[in-house]
Each structure stands twice: as C-alpha cells, then as structure tokens.
Amino acid sequence: MNAAGKPQSMRKPAGTGERSEYLIDGFRVSFLHQADWNCACREFIGAGTCRHTREAVGMREAQAIIRRRKHPRPGTVR
C-alpha cells in the first residue's frame, strides 16, 4: 500500500494522466496496449471479454474525454 492507501500496482504511472489497471468488483482489469485488455474472471478466460473489461473501457474513455476538455490541444476550437 502506498501513502494514499492504494495498492502499489493500482497507481497510475508517474507523470501521466492515464491508468493501466482498474479494480472492478474485486477483479483486477489491466489495459495492456491499444485495445488489448486482461481480466482474471471466469467469463474473460472463457470468452476473451467480460463485463469488467467493458466497464474499464468505459471508464478509460470517460477519462480521455475529461482530459481533452481540461487540456485541449493548441489550435483546436472548443
């Protein structure tokens, strides 16, 4: 656990606004790269997708939208 009380592996990488791991319903969901996700639940092991990964995808997309609103690229119109 770190000072904030979160497990070390659940922290976002230093200096980035993106998370690579999420804890959803007690299952660790990891974003590997591009659109590749991993979860330890039975549904994911059997089908390659699960409700945990779908929820994490939605969370990651929402974070990206918030980040774009907060820090628009130079030259873009709001």
PDB file of N, CA and C in Angstrom:
ATOM      1  N   MET A   1       0.838  -1.178   0.000  1.00  0.00           N
ATOM      2  CA  MET A   1       0.000   0.000   0.000  1.00  0.00           C
ATOM      3  C   MET A   1       0.887   1.247   0.000  1.00  0.00           C
ATOM      4  N   ASN A   2       0.418   2.247  -0.713  1.00  0.00           N
ATOM      5  CA  ASN A   2       1.153   3.499  -0.723  1.00  0.00           C
ATOM      6  C   ASN A   2       0.545   4.444   0.313  1.00  0.00           C
ATOM      7  N   ALA A   3       1.006   5.677   0.334  1.00  0.00           N
ATOM      8  CA  ALA A   3       0.548   6.649   1.323  1.00  0.00           C
ATOM      9  C   ALA A   3      -0.940   6.952   1.188  1.00  0.00           C
ATOM     10  N   ALA A   4      -1.481   6.811  -0.014  1.00  0.00           N
ATOM     11  CA  ALA A   4      -2.903   7.085  -0.238  1.00  0.00           C
ATOM     12  C   ALA A   4      -3.774   5.879   0.106  1.00  0.00           C
ATOM     13  N   GLY A   5      -3.150   4.776   0.516  1.00  0.00           N
ATOM     14  CA  GLY A   5      -3.903   3.585   0.878  1.00  0.00           C
ATOM     15  C   GLY A   5      -4.275   2.701  -0.296  1.00  0.00           C
ATOM     16  N   LYS A   6      -3.698   2.957  -1.470  1.00  0.00           N
ATOM     17  CA  LYS A   6      -3.978   2.150  -2.650  1.00  0.00           C
ATOM     18  C   LYS A   6      -2.855   1.137  -2.842  1.00  0.00           C
ATOM     19  N   PRO A   7      -3.187  -0.048  -3.343  1.00  0.00           N
ATOM     20  CA  PRO A   7      -2.116  -0.995  -3.655  1.00  0.00           C
ATOM     21  C   PRO A   7      -1.175  -0.381  -4.680  1.00  0.00           C
ATOM     22  N   GLN A   8       0.102  -0.653  -4.559  1.00  0.00           N
ATOM     23  CA  GLN A   8       1.095  -0.063  -5.453  1.00  0.00           C
ATOM     24  C   GLN A   8       0.758  -0.299  -6.921  1.00  0.00           C
ATOM     25  N   SER A   9       0.297  -1.486  -7.276  1.00  0.00           N
ATOM     26  CA  SER A   9       0.060  -1.785  -8.673  1.00  0.00           C
ATOM     27  C   SER A   9      -1.159  -1.074  -9.236  1.00  0.00           C
ATOM     28  N   MET A  10      -2.002  -0.488  -8.399  1.00  0.00           N
ATOM     29  CA  MET A  10      -3.200   0.180  -8.876  1.00  0.00           C
ATOM     30  C   MET A  10      -2.971   1.671  -9.120  1.00  0.00           C
ATOM     31  N   ARG A  11      -1.780   2.146  -8.844  1.00  0.00           N
ATOM     32  CA  ARG A  11      -1.497   3.559  -9.081  1.00  0.00           C
ATOM     33  C   ARG A  11      -1.317   3.805 -10.565  1.00  0.00           C
ATOM     34  N   LYS A  12      -1.578   5.038 -10.984  1.00  0.00           N
ATOM     35  CA  LYS A  12      -1.301   5.392 -12.372  1.00  0.00           C
ATOM     36  C   LYS A  12       0.191   5.667 -12.498  1.00  0.00           C
ATOM     37  N   PRO A  13       0.767   5.440 -13.671  1.00  0.00           N
ATOM     38  CA  PRO A  13       2.188   5.705 -13.860  1.00  0.00           C
ATOM     39  C   PRO A  13       2.510   7.167 -13.569  1.00  0.00           C
ATOM     40  N   ALA A  14       3.646   7.406 -12.965  1.00  0.00           N
ATOM     41  CA  ALA A  14       4.046   8.769 -12.598  1.00  0.00           C
ATOM     42  C   ALA A  14       4.132   9.650 -13.833  1.00  0.00           C
ATOM     43  N   GLY A  15       3.557  10.846 -13.732  1.00  0.00           N
ATOM     44  CA  GLY A  15       3.659  11.807 -14.812  1.00  0.00           C
ATOM     45  C   GLY A  15       2.630  11.641 -15.918  1.00  0.00           C
ATOM     46  N   THR A  16       1.731  10.668 -15.796  1.00  0.00           N
ATOM     47  CA  THR A  16       0.704  10.506 -16.820  1.00  0.00           C
ATOM     48  C   THR A  16      -0.660  10.642 -16.182  1.00  0.00           C
ATOM     49  N   GLY A  17      -1.637  10.961 -16.997  1.00  0.00           N
ATOM     50  CA  GLY A  17      -2.994  11.057 -16.508  1.00  0.00           C
ATOM     51  C   GLY A  17      -3.780   9.793 -16.794  1.00  0.00           C
ATOM     52  N   GLU A  18      -3.115   8.747 -17.239  1.00  0.00           N
ATOM     53  CA  GLU A  18      -3.796   7.523 -17.619  1.00  0.00           C
ATOM     54  C   GLU A  18      -3.515   6.407 -16.636  1.00  0.00           C
ATOM     55  N   ARG A  19      -4.519   5.597 -16.416  1.00  0.00           N
ATOM     56  CA  ARG A  19      -4.350   4.418 -15.574  1.00  0.00           C
ATOM     57  C   ARG A  19      -4.217   3.207 -16.478  1.00  0.00           C
ATOM     58  N   SER A  20      -3.496   2.219 -16.019  1.00  0.00           N
ATOM     59  CA  SER A  20      -3.377   0.995 -16.798  1.00  0.00           C
ATOM     60  C   SER A  20      -4.046  -0.175 -16.094  1.00  0.00           C
ATOM     61  N   GLU A  21      -4.423   0.001 -14.827  1.00  0.00           N
ATOM     62  CA  GLU A  21      -5.098  -1.058 -14.093  1.00  0.00           C
ATOM     63  C   GLU A  21      -6.288  -0.495 -13.336  1.00  0.00           C
ATOM     64  N   TYR A  22      -7.351  -1.278 -13.298  1.00  0.00           N
ATOM     65  CA  TYR A  22      -8.574  -0.898 -12.617  1.00  0.00           C
ATOM     66  C   TYR A  22      -8.985  -2.057 -11.717  1.00  0.00           C
ATOM     67  N   LEU A  23      -9.629  -1.770 -10.607  1.00  0.00           N
ATOM     68  CA  LEU A  23     -10.154  -2.792  -9.724  1.00  0.00           C
ATOM     69  C   LEU A  23     -11.672  -2.673  -9.777  1.00  0.00           C
ATOM     70  N   ILE A  24     -12.314  -3.651 -10.403  1.00  0.00           N
ATOM     71  CA  ILE A  24     -13.758  -3.618 -10.605  1.00  0.00           C
ATOM     72  C   ILE A  24     -14.358  -4.888 -10.023  1.00  0.00           C
ATOM     73  N   ASP A  25     -15.243  -4.718  -9.062  1.00  0.00           N
ATOM     74  CA  ASP A  25     -15.898  -5.848  -8.384  1.00  0.00           C
ATOM     75  C   ASP A  25     -14.879  -6.856  -7.854  1.00  0.00           C
ATOM     76  N   GLY A  26     -13.750  -6.375  -7.404  1.00  0.00           N
ATOM     77  CA  GLY A  26     -12.724  -7.250  -6.834  1.00  0.00           C
ATOM     78  C   GLY A  26     -11.816  -7.912  -7.864  1.00  0.00           C
ATOM     79  N   PHE A  27     -12.048  -7.664  -9.145  1.00  0.00           N
ATOM     80  CA  PHE A  27     -11.201  -8.243 -10.191  1.00  0.00           C
ATOM     81  C   PHE A  27     -10.271  -7.176 -10.743  1.00  0.00           C
ATOM     82  N   ARG A  28      -9.013  -7.523 -10.886  1.00  0.00           N
ATOM     83  CA  ARG A  28      -8.035  -6.606 -11.461  1.00  0.00           C
ATOM     84  C   ARG A  28      -8.135  -6.669 -12.977  1.00  0.00           C
ATOM     85  N   VAL A  29      -8.439  -5.533 -13.575  1.00  0.00           N
ATOM     86  CA  VAL A  29      -8.554  -5.414 -15.029  1.00  0.00           C
ATOM     87  C   VAL A  29      -7.375  -4.571 -15.497  1.00  0.00           C
ATOM     88  N   SER A  30      -6.612  -5.095 -16.438  1.00  0.00           N
ATOM     89  CA  SER A  30      -5.411  -4.414 -16.916  1.00  0.00           C
ATOM     90  C   SER A  30      -5.554  -4.006 -18.375  1.00  0.00           C
ATOM     91  N   PHE A  31      -5.173  -2.762 -18.663  1.00  0.00           N
ATOM     92  CA  PHE A  31      -5.070  -2.284 -20.037  1.00  0.00           C
ATOM     93  C   PHE A  31      -3.650  -2.568 -20.476  1.00  0.00           C
ATOM     94  N   LEU A  32      -3.494  -3.389 -21.509  1.00  0.00           N
ATOM     95  CA  LEU A  32      -2.160  -3.778 -21.946  1.00  0.00           C
ATOM     96  C   LEU A  32      -1.636  -2.809 -23.012  1.00  0.00           C
ATOM     97  N   HIS A  33      -2.325  -2.679 -24.118  1.00  0.00           N
ATOM     98  CA  HIS A  33      -1.963  -1.721 -25.171  1.00  0.00           C
ATOM     99  C   HIS A  33      -3.090  -1.651 -26.178  1.00  0.00           C
ATOM    100  N   GLN A  34      -3.186  -0.542 -26.891  1.00  0.00           N
ATOM    101  CA  GLN A  34      -4.210  -0.278 -27.903  1.00  0.00           C
ATOM    102  C   GLN A  34      -5.587  -0.693 -27.397  1.00  0.00           C
ATOM    103  N   ALA A  35      -6.112  -1.820 -27.807  1.00  0.00           N
ATOM    104  CA  ALA A  35      -7.430  -2.269 -27.357  1.00  0.00           C
ATOM    105  C   ALA A  35      -7.336  -3.619 -26.658  1.00  0.00           C
ATOM    106  N   ASP A  36      -6.183  -3.942 -26.135  1.00  0.00           N
ATOM    107  CA  ASP A  36      -5.944  -5.238 -25.505  1.00  0.00           C
ATOM    108  C   ASP A  36      -6.108  -5.128 -23.996  1.00  0.00           C
ATOM    109  N   TRP A  37      -7.055  -5.881 -23.430  1.00  0.00           N
ATOM    110  CA  TRP A  37      -7.367  -5.867 -22.010  1.00  0.00           C
ATOM    111  C   TRP A  37      -7.177  -7.254 -21.430  1.00  0.00           C
ATOM    112  N   ASN A  38      -7.059  -7.335 -20.109  1.00  0.00           N
ATOM    113  CA  ASN A  38      -6.922  -8.611 -19.426  1.00  0.00           C
ATOM    114  C   ASN A  38      -7.693  -8.556 -18.114  1.00  0.00           C
ATOM    115  N   CYS A  39      -8.397  -9.642 -17.785  1.00  0.00           N
ATOM    116  CA  CYS A  39      -9.133  -9.761 -16.523  1.00  0.00           C
ATOM    117  C   CYS A  39      -8.980 -11.196 -16.033  1.00  0.00           C
ATOM    118  N   ALA A  40      -9.057 -11.392 -14.735  1.00  0.00           N
ATOM    119  CA  ALA A  40      -8.857 -12.718 -14.157  1.00  0.00           C
ATOM    120  C   ALA A  40     -10.162 -13.471 -13.909  1.00  0.00           C
ATOM    121  N   CYS A  41     -11.306 -12.928 -14.315  1.00  0.00           N
ATOM    122  CA  CYS A  41     -12.576 -13.600 -14.041  1.00  0.00           C
ATOM    123  C   CYS A  41     -12.802 -14.759 -15.020  1.00  0.00           C
ATOM    124  N   ARG A  42     -13.710 -15.655 -14.649  1.00  0.00           N
ATOM    125  CA  ARG A  42     -14.003 -16.828 -15.491  1.00  0.00           C
ATOM    126  C   ARG A  42     -14.572 -16.441 -16.851  1.00  0.00           C
ATOM    127  N   GLU A  43     -15.434 -15.439 -16.870  1.00  0.00           N
ATOM    128  CA  GLU A  43     -16.051 -15.015 -18.123  1.00  0.00           C
ATOM    129  C   GLU A  43     -14.982 -14.580 -19.134  1.00  0.00           C
ATOM    130  N   PHE A  44     -13.987 -13.807 -18.674  1.00  0.00           N
ATOM    131  CA  PHE A  44     -12.931 -13.342 -19.573  1.00  0.00           C
ATOM    132  C   PHE A  44     -12.079 -14.508 -20.050  1.00  0.00           C
ATOM    133  N   ILE A  45     -11.751 -15.406 -19.145  1.00  0.00           N
ATOM    134  CA  ILE A  45     -10.916 -16.559 -19.516  1.00  0.00           C
ATOM    135  C   ILE A  45     -11.614 -17.403 -20.584  1.00  0.00           C
ATOM    136  N   GLY A  46     -12.943 -17.530 -20.479  1.00  0.00           N
ATOM    137  CA  GLY A  46     -13.682 -18.333 -21.445  1.00  0.00           C
ATOM    138  C   GLY A  46     -13.988 -17.627 -22.752  1.00  0.00           C
ATOM    139  N   ALA A  47     -14.226 -16.316 -22.697  1.00  0.00           N
ATOM    140  CA  ALA A  47     -14.700 -15.622 -23.894  1.00  0.00           C
ATOM    141  C   ALA A  47     -13.770 -14.527 -24.412  1.00  0.00           C
ATOM    142  N   GLY A  48     -12.797 -14.118 -23.625  1.00  0.00           N
ATOM    143  CA  GLY A  48     -11.894 -13.053 -24.057  1.00  0.00           C
ATOM    144  C   GLY A  48     -12.429 -11.662 -23.802  1.00  0.00           C
ATOM    145  N   THR A  49     -13.616 -11.575 -23.206  1.00  0.00           N
ATOM    146  CA  THR A  49     -14.201 -10.301 -22.810  1.00  0.00           C
ATOM    147  C   THR A  49     -15.116 -10.553 -21.616  1.00  0.00           C
ATOM    148  N   CYS A  50     -15.433  -9.508 -20.884  1.00  0.00           N
ATOM    149  CA  CYS A  50     -16.310  -9.652 -19.724  1.00  0.00           C
ATOM    150  C   CYS A  50     -16.861  -8.290 -19.344  1.00  0.00           C
ATOM    151  N   ARG A  51     -17.805  -8.285 -18.417  1.00  0.00           N
ATOM    152  CA  ARG A  51     -18.403  -7.005 -18.018  1.00  0.00           C
ATOM    153  C   ARG A  51     -17.389  -6.113 -17.317  1.00  0.00           C
ATOM    154  N   HIS A  52     -16.370  -6.701 -16.689  1.00  0.00           N
ATOM    155  CA  HIS A  52     -15.343  -5.909 -16.014  1.00  0.00           C
ATOM    156  C   HIS A  52     -14.505  -5.125 -17.025  1.00  0.00           C
ATOM    157  N   THR A  53     -14.127  -5.787 -18.124  1.00  0.00           N
ATOM    158  CA  THR A  53     -13.330  -5.087 -19.137  1.00  0.00           C
ATOM    159  C   THR A  53     -14.176  -4.032 -19.835  1.00  0.00           C
ATOM    160  N   ARG A  54     -15.467  -4.331 -20.074  1.00  0.00           N
ATOM    161  CA  ARG A  54     -16.334  -3.330 -20.713  1.00  0.00           C
ATOM    162  C   ARG A  54     -16.478  -2.102 -19.823  1.00  0.00           C
ATOM    163  N   GLU A  55     -16.604  -2.321 -18.515  1.00  0.00           N
ATOM    164  CA  GLU A  55     -16.700  -1.183 -17.597  1.00  0.00           C
ATOM    165  C   GLU A  55     -15.401  -0.382 -17.575  1.00  0.00           C
ATOM    166  N   ALA A  56     -14.262  -1.079 -17.570  1.00  0.00           N
ATOM    167  CA  ALA A  56     -12.968  -0.393 -17.571  1.00  0.00           C
ATOM    168  C   ALA A  56     -12.763   0.396 -18.859  1.00  0.00           C
ATOM    169  N   VAL A  57     -13.213  -0.153 -19.994  1.00  0.00           N
ATOM    170  CA  VAL A  57     -13.119   0.564 -21.273  1.00  0.00           C
ATOM    171  C   VAL A  57     -13.908   1.859 -21.187  1.00  0.00           C
ATOM    172  N   GLY A  58     -15.112   1.797 -20.632  1.00  0.00           N
ATOM    173  CA  GLY A  58     -15.929   2.997 -20.477  1.00  0.00           C
ATOM    174  C   GLY A  58     -15.282   4.017 -19.560  1.00  0.00           C
ATOM    175  N   MET A  59     -14.686   3.548 -18.465  1.00  0.00           N
ATOM    176  CA  MET A  59     -14.003   4.453 -17.538  1.00  0.00           C
ATOM    177  C   MET A  59     -12.825   5.131 -18.223  1.00  0.00           C
ATOM    178  N   ARG A  60     -12.059   4.351 -18.976  1.00  0.00           N
ATOM    179  CA  ARG A  60     -10.883   4.905 -19.662  1.00  0.00           C
ATOM    180  C   ARG A  60     -11.304   5.935 -20.711  1.00  0.00           C
ATOM    181  N   GLU A  61     -12.381   5.642 -21.442  1.00  0.00           N
ATOM    182  CA  GLU A  61     -12.873   6.572 -22.449  1.00  0.00           C
ATOM    183  C   GLU A  61     -13.368   7.867 -21.800  1.00  0.00           C
ATOM    184  N   ALA A  62     -14.077   7.746 -20.678  1.00  0.00           N
ATOM    185  CA  ALA A  62     -14.554   8.939 -19.967  1.00  0.00           C
ATOM    186  C   ALA A  62     -13.384   9.782 -19.475  1.00  0.00           C
ATOM    187  N   GLN A  63     -12.332   9.137 -18.987  1.00  0.00           N
ATOM    188  CA  GLN A  63     -11.144   9.862 -18.532  1.00  0.00           C
ATOM    189  C   GLN A  63     -10.497  10.607 -19.701  1.00  0.00           C
ATOM    190  N   ALA A  64     -10.480   9.991 -20.877  1.00  0.00           N
ATOM    191  CA  ALA A  64      -9.893  10.645 -22.057  1.00  0.00           C
ATOM    192  C   ALA A  64     -10.712  11.866 -22.460  1.00  0.00           C
ATOM    193  N   ILE A  65     -12.029  11.765 -22.395  1.00  0.00           N
ATOM    194  CA  ILE A  65     -12.895  12.899 -22.733  1.00  0.00           C
ATOM    195  C   ILE A  65     -12.675  14.048 -21.762  1.00  0.00           C
ATOM    196  N   ILE A  66     -12.623  13.727 -20.475  1.00  0.00           N
ATOM    197  CA  ILE A  66     -12.382  14.754 -19.453  1.00  0.00           C
ATOM    198  C   ILE A  66     -11.029  15.413 -19.674  1.00  0.00           C
ATOM    199  N   ARG A  67     -10.014  14.619 -19.971  1.00  0.00           N
ATOM    200  CA  ARG A  67      -8.669  15.147 -20.189  1.00  0.00           C
ATOM    201  C   ARG A  67      -8.644  16.094 -21.387  1.00  0.00           C
ATOM    202  N   ARG A  68      -9.363  15.723 -22.475  1.00  0.00           N
ATOM    203  CA  ARG A  68      -9.406  16.587 -23.664  1.00  0.00           C
ATOM    204  C   ARG A  68     -10.127  17.891 -23.364  1.00  0.00           C
ATOM    205  N   ARG A  69     -11.174  17.850 -22.552  1.00  0.00           N
ATOM    206  CA  ARG A  69     -11.893  19.076 -22.187  1.00  0.00           C
ATOM    207  C   ARG A  69     -11.047  19.965 -21.296  1.00  0.00           C
ATOM    208  N   LYS A  70     -10.300  19.343 -20.410  1.00  0.00           N
ATOM    209  CA  LYS A  70      -9.485  20.082 -19.444  1.00  0.00           C
ATOM    210  C   LYS A  70      -8.245  20.678 -20.103  1.00  0.00           C
ATOM    211  N   HIS A  71      -7.643  19.932 -21.019  1.00  0.00           N
ATOM    212  CA  HIS A  71      -6.395  20.353 -21.671  1.00  0.00           C
ATOM    213  C   HIS A  71      -6.532  20.196 -23.176  1.00  0.00           C
ATOM    214  N   PRO A  72      -7.274  21.108 -23.843  1.00  0.00           N
ATOM    215  CA  PRO A  72      -7.427  20.976 -25.294  1.00  0.00           C
ATOM    216  C   PRO A  72      -6.094  21.180 -26.008  1.00  0.00           C
ATOM    217  N   ARG A  73      -5.984  20.552 -27.134  1.00  0.00           N
ATOM    218  CA  ARG A  73      -4.765  20.705 -27.940  1.00  0.00           C
ATOM    219  C   ARG A  73      -4.690  22.118 -28.478  1.00  0.00           C
ATOM    220  N   PRO A  74      -3.493  22.671 -28.600  1.00  0.00           N
ATOM    221  CA  PRO A  74      -3.356  24.015 -29.163  1.00  0.00           C
ATOM    222  C   PRO A  74      -3.932  24.078 -30.570  1.00  0.00           C
ATOM    223  N   GLY A  75      -4.685  25.135 -30.857  1.00  0.00           N
ATOM    224  CA  GLY A  75      -5.235  25.327 -32.180  1.00  0.00           C
ATOM    225  C   GLY A  75      -6.606  24.700 -32.383  1.00  0.00           C
ATOM    226  N   THR A  76      -7.131  23.982 -31.372  1.00  0.00           N
ATOM    227  CA  THR A  76      -8.450  23.390 -31.529  1.00  0.00           C
ATOM    228  C   THR A  76      -9.499  24.351 -30.976  1.00  0.00           C
ATOM    229  N   VAL A  77     -10.671  24.293 -31.569  1.00  0.00           N
ATOM    230  CA  VAL A  77     -11.774  25.156 -31.152  1.00  0.00           C
ATOM    231  C   VAL A  77     -12.635  24.387 -30.167  1.00  0.00           C
ATOM    232  N   ARG A  78     -13.023  25.041 -29.105  1.00  0.00           N
ATOM    233  CA  ARG A  78     -13.893  24.405 -28.100  1.00  0.00           C
ATOM    234  C   ARG A  78     -15.313  24.521 -28.481  1.00  0.00           C
TER     235      ARG A  78
END
